[in-house]
Amino acid sequence: MLKEISKYWTSSSESYDKVIQTQFRSPKTITLWKRLLMKGLGTKPGQKVLDVGTGPGFFSILLSQMGHLPTALDASPGMIDRAARNFKIYGYQVPAYVGDAAGLHKELEDSFDAVVCRDVVWTLPDPQRAYAEWYRVLKPGGTLIIFDGNYLYKESKTVFRRLWYALSWTLILLTEQRIRQRSSQDKELLSGLPFVNVLRPKADEAALRQAGFRSIDVQRNFIPARAMPLNYLKYGYQNANRFMILAKKE
């Protein structure tokens, strides 16, 4: 299944790159994401951070700007190509490679101060194994920082949320020059993922404890509407499903 997911993200790499380029053009967006990352990283500079599912390299660039030392990983060759291009544009030399988030064979035990990911866990064929690997590569006292959501979870949607969803498509087209759509084949592929069919973040908390994490903090609605009004209009309909997790390796 990992091979199919990798192909899906490679086919989406151009579209997703448009998302992060839009975010880089917004100082408010950059400030907000750096503030969120600091909640888990603190103020100590020069930390080694594994950026899992880097996509076009958004977090790795932010982490570099913050004075940290990121390593970027993604299962999609297309995403790594985009990331490498963006690293060059922004003037950072970030190690980046194609790899399995649940099989970090190149990384040693206790080697990173932090592991970060954004909207990655829901796409993983084996999230439990991934959490165990991330625990393994973290140094004692290291932090796992997750931004994710209960995406595609089978739940009823109100008329209001359906209308909001339609509005978001229009705004995304106008501001990001991309059309948000998935083929029936893509929907079938994604619907078979394990964390699409469970209630999150409750399932994450259980999986993290099984992996060895004990200190787990969950925050919902981590991007308030007043911080980024346009972003809220485009993506706020997902807020009820989105969450941030900070988990410590003690």
Protein backbone atom coordinates (compact mmCIF):
# COMPACT_ATOMS: atom_id res chain seq x y z
CA MET A 1 0.00 0.00 0.00
CA LEU A 2 2.93 2.35 0.66
CA LYS A 3 3.82 2.26 -3.04
CA GLU A 4 0.31 3.36 -4.01
CA ILE A 5 0.28 6.14 -1.39
CA SER A 6 3.68 7.32 -2.66
CA LYS A 7 2.30 7.53 -6.22
CA TYR A 8 -0.72 9.45 -4.97
CA TRP A 9 1.45 12.11 -3.27
CA THR A 10 3.82 12.32 -6.23
CA SER A 11 0.84 13.07 -8.47
CA SER A 12 -0.26 15.72 -5.96
CA SER A 13 3.19 17.28 -5.47
CA GLU A 14 2.67 20.22 -7.83
CA SER A 15 -0.68 21.09 -6.25
CA TYR A 16 0.67 20.82 -2.72
CA ASP A 17 3.68 22.95 -3.62
CA LYS A 18 1.23 25.72 -4.58
CA VAL A 19 -0.20 25.49 -1.05
CA ILE A 20 3.12 26.07 0.66
CA GLN A 21 4.17 28.81 -1.75
CA THR A 22 0.95 30.63 -0.79
CA GLN A 23 1.85 30.14 2.87
CA PHE A 24 5.39 31.47 2.38
CA ARG A 25 3.93 34.67 0.91
CA SER A 26 2.02 35.28 4.16
CA PRO A 27 4.15 36.59 7.07
CA LYS A 28 1.24 35.88 9.46
CA THR A 29 1.18 32.25 8.38
CA ILE A 30 4.93 31.83 8.81
CA THR A 31 4.87 33.49 12.25
CA LEU A 32 2.01 31.26 13.38
CA TRP A 33 3.67 28.01 12.28
CA LYS A 34 6.96 28.97 13.89
CA ARG A 35 5.13 29.75 17.13
CA LEU A 36 3.42 26.35 17.00
CA LEU A 37 6.71 24.56 16.38
CA MET A 38 8.29 26.41 19.31
CA LYS A 39 5.65 24.94 21.62
CA GLY A 40 7.37 21.61 21.15
CA LEU A 41 10.94 22.71 20.48
CA GLY A 42 11.31 25.50 23.00
CA THR A 43 13.92 28.20 22.41
CA LYS A 44 17.12 26.10 22.33
CA PRO A 45 18.79 26.59 18.90
CA GLY A 46 20.60 24.03 16.78
CA GLN A 47 18.31 21.07 17.46
CA LYS A 48 18.40 18.04 15.18
CA VAL A 49 14.87 17.59 13.81
CA LEU A 50 13.48 14.85 11.58
CA ASP A 51 10.82 16.29 9.26
CA VAL A 52 8.74 13.24 8.38
CA GLY A 53 6.57 13.55 5.28
CA THR A 54 8.25 16.83 4.41
CA GLY A 55 6.25 17.29 1.20
CA PRO A 56 7.70 20.33 -0.61
CA GLY A 57 9.86 21.09 2.42
CA PHE A 58 7.76 23.67 4.28
CA PHE A 59 8.70 22.66 7.83
CA SER A 60 12.36 22.05 6.97
CA ILE A 61 12.67 25.59 5.63
CA LEU A 62 10.96 27.05 8.70
CA LEU A 63 13.16 24.99 11.00
CA SER A 64 16.26 26.17 9.14
CA GLN A 65 15.12 29.78 9.51
CA MET A 66 14.69 29.12 13.24
CA GLY A 67 18.30 27.94 13.53
CA HIS A 68 17.66 24.20 13.70
CA LEU A 69 19.16 21.30 11.74
CA PRO A 70 16.38 19.45 9.89
CA THR A 71 16.57 16.22 7.94
CA ALA A 72 13.74 15.81 5.44
CA LEU A 73 12.09 12.51 4.60
CA ASP A 74 9.17 11.62 2.34
CA ALA A 75 7.90 8.43 0.73
CA SER A 76 7.14 10.32 -2.48
CA PRO A 77 10.00 10.97 -4.95
CA GLY A 78 7.94 13.80 -6.44
CA MET A 79 7.67 15.53 -3.07
CA ILE A 80 11.40 15.16 -2.39
CA ASP A 81 12.15 16.68 -5.81
CA ARG A 82 9.94 19.67 -4.92
CA ALA A 83 11.55 19.96 -1.49
CA ALA A 84 15.08 19.91 -2.94
CA ARG A 85 14.09 22.64 -5.38
CA ASN A 86 12.64 24.78 -2.58
CA PHE A 87 15.68 24.27 -0.35
CA LYS A 88 17.85 25.63 -3.17
CA ILE A 89 15.53 28.60 -3.76
CA TYR A 90 15.51 29.54 -0.06
CA GLY A 91 19.25 28.96 0.31
CA TYR A 92 19.35 26.02 2.74
CA GLN A 93 21.25 22.74 2.52
CA VAL A 94 18.88 20.23 4.05
CA PRO A 95 19.58 16.48 3.83
CA ALA A 96 16.54 14.97 2.10
CA TYR A 97 15.75 11.46 0.95
CA VAL A 98 12.95 9.14 -0.11
CA GLY A 99 12.06 6.77 2.70
CA ASP A 100 9.38 5.01 4.71
CA ALA A 101 8.16 6.92 7.77
CA ALA A 102 7.58 3.57 9.48
CA GLY A 103 10.99 2.16 8.59
CA LEU A 104 13.74 4.68 9.34
CA HIS A 105 16.62 2.35 8.48
CA LYS A 106 19.08 5.20 7.87
CA GLU A 107 18.51 6.77 11.28
CA LEU A 108 20.17 5.71 14.52
CA GLU A 109 18.44 5.23 17.85
CA ASP A 110 18.33 8.31 20.11
CA SER A 111 19.59 10.62 17.34
CA PHE A 112 17.01 13.44 17.06
CA ASP A 113 15.89 16.15 19.46
CA ALA A 114 12.50 16.27 17.75
CA VAL A 115 10.37 14.63 15.08
CA VAL A 116 7.78 16.79 13.31
CA CYS A 117 5.05 16.07 10.77
CA ARG A 118 2.04 17.82 9.29
CA ASP A 119 -0.96 15.95 7.85
CA VAL A 120 1.12 12.79 7.50
CA VAL A 121 -0.10 10.23 10.03
CA TRP A 122 -3.57 9.87 8.47
CA THR A 123 -1.92 8.75 5.19
CA LEU A 124 0.30 6.06 6.74
CA PRO A 125 -0.43 2.37 6.04
CA ASP A 126 1.00 1.44 9.48
CA PRO A 127 0.80 4.40 11.93
CA GLN A 128 1.52 2.21 14.96
CA ARG A 129 4.83 1.08 13.47
CA ALA A 130 5.63 4.68 12.54
CA TYR A 131 5.06 5.89 16.10
CA ALA A 132 7.36 3.16 17.38
CA GLU A 133 10.07 4.19 14.92
CA TRP A 134 9.76 7.87 15.81
CA TYR A 135 10.07 6.96 19.48
CA ARG A 136 13.19 4.93 18.68
CA VAL A 137 15.02 7.74 16.86
CA LEU A 138 14.16 10.41 19.44
CA LYS A 139 16.69 11.22 22.13
CA PRO A 140 15.53 10.80 25.72
CA GLY A 141 13.62 13.99 26.50
CA GLY A 142 12.95 14.53 22.78
CA THR A 143 9.58 15.67 21.44
CA LEU A 144 7.25 14.37 18.76
CA ILE A 145 5.21 17.22 17.22
CA ILE A 146 2.18 16.15 15.19
CA PHE A 147 -0.28 18.30 13.26
CA ASP A 148 -3.04 16.17 11.78
CA GLY A 149 -6.77 15.60 11.55
CA ASN A 150 -9.56 13.06 11.49
CA TYR A 151 -9.77 13.44 7.71
CA LEU A 152 -12.29 11.43 5.65
CA TYR A 153 -13.70 9.93 8.83
CA LYS A 154 -17.24 8.73 8.22
CA GLU A 155 -19.41 11.25 9.99
CA SER A 156 -22.54 13.18 9.06
CA LYS A 157 -22.00 16.71 7.73
CA THR A 158 -24.44 19.54 8.29
CA VAL A 159 -25.76 21.64 5.42
CA PHE A 160 -23.73 24.58 6.79
CA ARG A 161 -20.49 22.61 6.60
CA ARG A 162 -21.28 21.40 3.08
CA LEU A 163 -21.82 24.99 1.96
CA TRP A 164 -18.61 26.06 3.69
CA TYR A 165 -16.77 23.27 1.89
CA ALA A 166 -18.07 24.57 -1.45
CA LEU A 167 -16.93 28.11 -0.55
CA SER A 168 -13.50 26.81 0.41
CA TRP A 169 -13.05 25.25 -3.05
CA THR A 170 -13.74 28.61 -4.67
CA LEU A 171 -11.33 30.51 -2.41
CA ILE A 172 -8.59 27.90 -2.87
CA LEU A 173 -8.95 28.16 -6.65
CA LEU A 174 -8.68 31.96 -6.51
CA THR A 175 -5.77 32.21 -4.04
CA GLU A 176 -3.75 29.06 -4.75
CA GLN A 177 -4.61 28.45 -8.44
CA ARG A 178 -5.43 24.84 -7.82
CA ILE A 179 -8.52 22.68 -7.89
CA ARG A 180 -9.16 20.45 -4.89
CA GLN A 181 -10.42 17.16 -6.17
CA ARG A 182 -9.68 13.47 -5.83
CA SER A 183 -10.47 10.74 -8.33
CA SER A 184 -12.71 7.85 -7.32
CA GLN A 185 -9.61 5.64 -7.40
CA ASP A 186 -7.79 7.96 -4.99
CA LYS A 187 -10.79 8.08 -2.66
CA GLU A 188 -10.94 4.28 -2.63
CA LEU A 189 -7.22 4.08 -1.83
CA LEU A 190 -7.39 6.63 0.99
CA SER A 191 -10.56 5.13 2.49
CA GLY A 192 -8.63 1.93 3.23
CA LEU A 193 -6.06 3.64 5.45
CA PRO A 194 -6.21 2.57 9.11
CA PHE A 195 -6.41 6.05 10.67
CA VAL A 196 -9.19 7.14 8.32
CA ASN A 197 -11.50 4.60 9.91
CA VAL A 198 -10.98 5.35 13.61
CA LEU A 199 -11.80 8.25 15.88
CA ARG A 200 -8.81 10.52 16.29
CA PRO A 201 -6.90 11.76 18.24
CA LYS A 202 -8.15 9.12 20.69
CA ALA A 203 -6.61 6.41 18.50
CA ASP A 204 -3.34 8.34 18.35
CA GLU A 205 -3.11 8.61 22.12
CA ALA A 206 -3.50 4.84 22.46
CA ALA A 207 -0.94 4.18 19.72
CA LEU A 208 1.55 6.64 21.20
CA ARG A 209 1.32 5.02 24.62
CA GLN A 210 1.85 1.61 23.05
CA ALA A 211 4.94 3.00 21.30
CA GLY A 212 6.36 4.13 24.66
CA PHE A 213 5.31 7.78 24.96
CA ARG A 214 3.91 8.77 28.36
CA SER A 215 3.64 12.57 28.32
CA ILE A 216 1.03 13.35 25.67
CA ASP A 217 -0.66 16.72 25.20
CA VAL A 218 -3.48 17.20 22.67
CA GLN A 219 -4.70 20.58 21.46
CA ARG A 220 -7.67 21.04 19.14
CA ASN A 221 -8.41 24.04 16.93
CA PHE A 222 -4.75 25.07 17.03
CA ILE A 223 -5.18 27.75 14.33
CA PRO A 224 -7.72 30.28 15.66
CA ALA A 225 -9.85 32.15 13.13
CA ARG A 226 -8.60 35.59 14.19
CA ALA A 227 -4.98 34.64 13.52
CA MET A 228 -5.51 33.96 9.80
CA PRO A 229 -9.02 34.90 8.60
CA LEU A 230 -8.52 33.86 4.95
CA ASN A 231 -7.01 30.53 5.96
CA TYR A 232 -9.99 30.02 8.27
CA LEU A 233 -12.43 30.62 5.40
CA LYS A 234 -10.53 28.15 3.23
CA TYR A 235 -9.85 25.39 5.74
CA GLY A 236 -11.82 26.21 8.90
CA TYR A 237 -14.52 23.67 8.11
CA GLN A 238 -11.90 21.05 9.07
CA ASN A 239 -11.15 22.60 12.48
CA ALA A 240 -13.44 20.25 14.39
CA ASN A 241 -11.34 17.37 13.01
CA ARG A 242 -7.87 18.90 13.35
CA PHE A 243 -5.48 18.59 16.29
CA MET A 244 -1.92 19.09 17.47
CA ILE A 245 -0.11 16.52 19.61
CA LEU A 246 3.07 16.99 21.64
CA ALA A 247 4.48 13.70 22.93
CA LYS A 248 7.67 13.39 24.99
CA LYS A 249 10.12 10.53 25.12
CA GLU A 250 10.94 10.45 28.81
